């Protein structure tokens, strides 16, 4: 857990399944209009974490990497919310973001957005986003940092910390 970094939580995941379980804990707490920005190099575990978020959120279908489709919309049975899983790895310039409809997706009041490679749309990521940074330590371990710059979103991360770690 971070002591010096404001509005952040740090931990180490010891396996892909643990990374997915942490995602599920966060996914279960997400309100509508939440944005999660997933940072990390190729192979860091962003899609595994996103898959867990989908499980916790209640997506009807398992999340898969949207690298080639760029955007996948997921639904759950009990309401009209949509979970958008967005992968911007293949986006090369801002014009492509317009064609994707990223601004409209981010404006969807019933939507939750998971964005892989968010630095490619940095100007569009809202201040209240949850940033999840995954850094590979070796083949199985990941250093993870959960942060926000928004006091209200910090309450979600505190609830996540309690759910995931009991503190």
Foldseek 3Di string as FASTA:
>chain_A
DDDPDPFKDKDKFQALVSLLCLLLLLLLLDDFLAEEEEADDPPLNLLSSVQSSCVNVAFPDGDDDCVPVQWDWTDHDPDDAIEIEGECPVPDAPVVCVVVVVLVQSVPRRYYYYYYPCVRVVVRDDQAYWYWYWYDPDNGMTMIMTGGPDPVSSVSVVSSCCRSPVD
